[in-house]
């Protein structure tokens, strides 16, 4: 079941209703397909990209969804696959029965604004945190530039496990 966020909670979390309203229909269809049945790896796409971002504007639905993402990462070992999620329960349940693909970077998307979570949850590589612009300025290492110019989230074993970004204004 998809988690919904009330208008009051949307203000307190970094989930942006405007982005969700624009992007959700496009991503929901793919996410629903990935969550319904396990997909044979030969039926998953091969991508030529070196980096891929998953669930930037969505969320894991269930264990089947996460398992299919793991299978996708295994089919594309040349691609660094970064997955943002607030669902360590799903991740940990699936990873009890399988190894995490070496090219899959799990990023815990901290839902609390202004509260930096430094240590990633079990099985996660990084935490992604949002703070007000004036808070923890010295710790802000996601500076609003284009991801392709930074790549902090996407490069495995780069020594960074805490990402801090100031809250974006839309």
Protein backbone atom coordinates (compact mmCIF):
# COMPACT_ATOMS: atom_id res chain seq x y z
CA UNK A 1 0.00 0.00 0.00
CA UNK A 2 1.31 3.44 -0.88
CA UNK A 3 1.88 5.77 2.03
CA UNK A 4 -0.03 9.02 1.80
CA UNK A 5 0.93 12.27 3.49
CA UNK A 6 -1.52 14.78 4.90
CA UNK A 7 -1.09 18.45 4.00
CA UNK A 8 0.11 19.19 7.54
CA UNK A 9 2.72 16.44 7.40
CA UNK A 10 3.88 17.54 3.95
CA UNK A 11 4.91 20.87 5.41
CA UNK A 12 6.96 19.15 8.14
CA UNK A 13 8.63 16.62 5.86
CA UNK A 14 10.76 17.17 2.80
CA UNK A 15 8.14 15.58 0.57
CA UNK A 16 6.86 18.26 -1.75
CA UNK A 17 3.23 17.99 -2.82
CA UNK A 18 3.86 19.94 -6.00
CA UNK A 19 6.54 17.54 -7.18
CA UNK A 20 4.49 14.52 -6.17
CA UNK A 21 1.48 15.78 -8.09
CA UNK A 22 3.54 16.34 -11.25
CA UNK A 23 5.69 13.20 -11.19
CA UNK A 24 3.63 10.57 -9.37
CA UNK A 25 1.48 9.38 -12.32
CA UNK A 26 4.54 8.63 -14.46
CA UNK A 27 6.48 6.83 -11.76
CA UNK A 28 3.51 5.15 -10.08
CA UNK A 29 2.79 2.98 -13.09
CA UNK A 30 6.35 1.63 -13.19
CA UNK A 31 6.48 1.23 -9.42
CA UNK A 32 3.21 -0.69 -9.40
CA UNK A 33 4.49 -3.06 -12.10
CA UNK A 34 7.70 -3.64 -10.14
CA UNK A 35 5.72 -4.34 -6.96
CA UNK A 36 3.22 -6.86 -8.34
CA UNK A 37 5.41 -9.83 -9.34
CA UNK A 38 9.04 -10.83 -9.31
CA UNK A 39 10.46 -10.14 -12.75
CA UNK A 40 12.85 -12.57 -14.40
CA UNK A 41 16.20 -10.78 -14.77
CA UNK A 42 16.22 -11.46 -18.52
CA UNK A 43 13.04 -9.39 -18.78
CA UNK A 44 14.56 -6.40 -16.97
CA UNK A 45 16.14 -3.66 -19.08
CA UNK A 46 19.84 -3.25 -19.73
CA UNK A 47 20.95 0.37 -19.41
CA UNK A 48 24.10 1.91 -20.83
CA UNK A 49 24.23 4.57 -18.10
CA UNK A 50 26.99 4.68 -15.50
CA UNK A 51 24.62 6.09 -12.83
CA UNK A 52 20.91 5.72 -12.10
CA UNK A 53 18.64 7.33 -9.52
CA UNK A 54 15.60 5.42 -8.26
CA UNK A 55 12.71 6.67 -6.13
CA UNK A 56 13.79 10.28 -6.05
CA UNK A 57 10.10 11.23 -6.01
CA UNK A 58 8.52 8.00 -4.85
CA UNK A 59 8.85 5.24 -2.31
CA UNK A 60 9.30 1.49 -2.05
CA UNK A 61 5.93 -0.21 -2.08
CA UNK A 62 6.82 -3.69 -0.84
CA UNK A 63 9.51 -6.37 -0.79
CA UNK A 64 8.77 -7.42 -4.37
CA UNK A 65 9.44 -3.87 -5.52
CA UNK A 66 12.82 -3.80 -3.73
CA UNK A 67 13.77 -7.31 -4.93
CA UNK A 68 13.10 -6.27 -8.54
CA UNK A 69 15.32 -3.21 -8.05
CA UNK A 70 18.07 -5.50 -6.70
CA UNK A 71 17.66 -7.75 -9.75
CA UNK A 72 17.87 -4.70 -12.01
CA UNK A 73 21.11 -3.61 -10.29
CA UNK A 74 22.58 -7.12 -10.68
CA UNK A 75 21.72 -7.13 -14.38
CA UNK A 76 23.52 -3.79 -14.78
CA UNK A 77 26.71 -4.18 -12.71
CA UNK A 78 28.43 -1.35 -14.64
CA UNK A 79 25.77 1.10 -13.38
CA UNK A 80 25.88 2.66 -9.92
CA UNK A 81 22.23 2.48 -8.82
CA UNK A 82 21.26 4.91 -6.04
CA UNK A 83 17.95 4.22 -4.28
CA UNK A 84 16.35 6.73 -1.90
CA UNK A 85 13.84 5.32 0.60
CA UNK A 86 12.32 5.88 4.00
CA UNK A 87 11.52 2.17 4.34
CA UNK A 88 14.34 0.35 6.15
CA UNK A 89 11.76 -2.25 7.19
CA UNK A 90 11.32 -3.39 3.58
CA UNK A 91 15.06 -3.21 2.82
CA UNK A 92 16.07 -5.20 5.89
CA UNK A 93 13.38 -7.85 5.38
CA UNK A 94 14.53 -8.50 1.79
CA UNK A 95 18.24 -8.40 2.65
CA UNK A 96 17.77 -11.10 5.29
CA UNK A 97 17.44 -13.56 2.41
CA UNK A 98 19.87 -12.15 -0.17
CA UNK A 99 23.02 -10.10 -0.58
CA UNK A 100 22.81 -6.45 -1.50
CA UNK A 101 24.17 -5.90 -5.03
CA UNK A 102 27.61 -4.26 -4.86
CA UNK A 103 26.51 -1.47 -7.23
CA UNK A 104 23.35 -0.60 -5.26
CA UNK A 105 23.73 2.44 -3.01
CA UNK A 106 20.97 2.64 -0.42
CA UNK A 107 20.22 6.12 0.84
CA UNK A 108 17.93 6.61 3.83
CA UNK A 109 15.83 9.67 3.10
CA UNK A 110 15.38 11.25 6.54
CA UNK A 111 11.80 12.61 6.75
CA UNK A 112 12.60 15.07 9.56
CA UNK A 113 13.64 18.57 8.52
CA UNK A 114 16.30 20.10 10.74
CA UNK A 115 17.32 16.83 12.38
CA UNK A 116 20.53 15.45 10.91
CA UNK A 117 20.76 11.69 11.10
CA UNK A 118 24.47 10.95 10.85
CA UNK A 119 24.54 7.18 11.07
CA UNK A 120 22.75 5.33 8.27
CA UNK A 121 20.33 2.58 9.31
CA UNK A 122 21.47 -1.04 9.03
CA UNK A 123 22.10 -2.07 5.40
CA UNK A 124 22.12 1.56 4.20
CA UNK A 125 25.13 3.38 2.78
CA UNK A 126 24.11 6.98 3.44
CA UNK A 127 21.53 9.27 4.97
CA UNK A 128 20.03 12.21 3.10
CA UNK A 129 18.98 15.08 5.37
CA UNK A 130 17.27 18.44 4.84
CA UNK A 131 17.85 21.45 7.07
CA UNK A 132 16.67 25.07 6.96
CA UNK A 133 19.12 27.20 4.95
CA UNK A 134 20.61 28.85 8.04
CA UNK A 135 21.03 25.63 10.06
CA UNK A 136 24.24 23.58 10.07
CA UNK A 137 25.65 25.56 7.15
CA UNK A 138 29.09 24.04 7.76
CA UNK A 139 27.63 20.52 7.36
CA UNK A 140 25.69 21.21 4.15
CA UNK A 141 27.48 19.17 1.49
CA UNK A 142 24.62 19.04 -1.02
CA UNK A 143 24.70 22.61 -2.16
CA UNK A 144 21.89 22.80 -4.69
CA UNK A 145 24.08 22.27 -7.70
CA UNK A 146 23.07 19.78 -10.36
CA UNK A 147 23.58 16.18 -9.24
CA UNK A 148 25.66 15.43 -12.33
CA UNK A 149 28.15 18.10 -11.23
CA UNK A 150 28.47 16.69 -7.70
CA UNK A 151 27.83 12.93 -7.72
CA UNK A 152 28.28 12.67 -3.93
CA UNK A 153 25.28 10.37 -3.61
CA UNK A 154 26.18 8.14 -6.53
CA UNK A 155 29.81 7.20 -6.00
CA UNK A 156 30.24 4.07 -3.90
CA UNK A 157 32.71 3.96 -1.02
CA UNK A 158 33.55 7.66 -1.22
CA UNK A 159 33.79 8.03 2.56
CA UNK A 160 30.64 10.17 2.80
CA UNK A 161 27.76 8.64 4.71
CA UNK A 162 25.84 11.80 5.69
CA UNK A 163 24.42 14.14 3.07
CA UNK A 164 22.95 17.45 4.20
CA UNK A 165 20.99 19.74 1.91
CA UNK A 166 19.24 23.01 2.67
CA UNK A 167 15.49 22.86 2.08
CA UNK A 168 14.70 23.83 -1.50
CA UNK A 169 12.18 26.54 -2.25
CA UNK A 170 9.87 25.81 -5.13
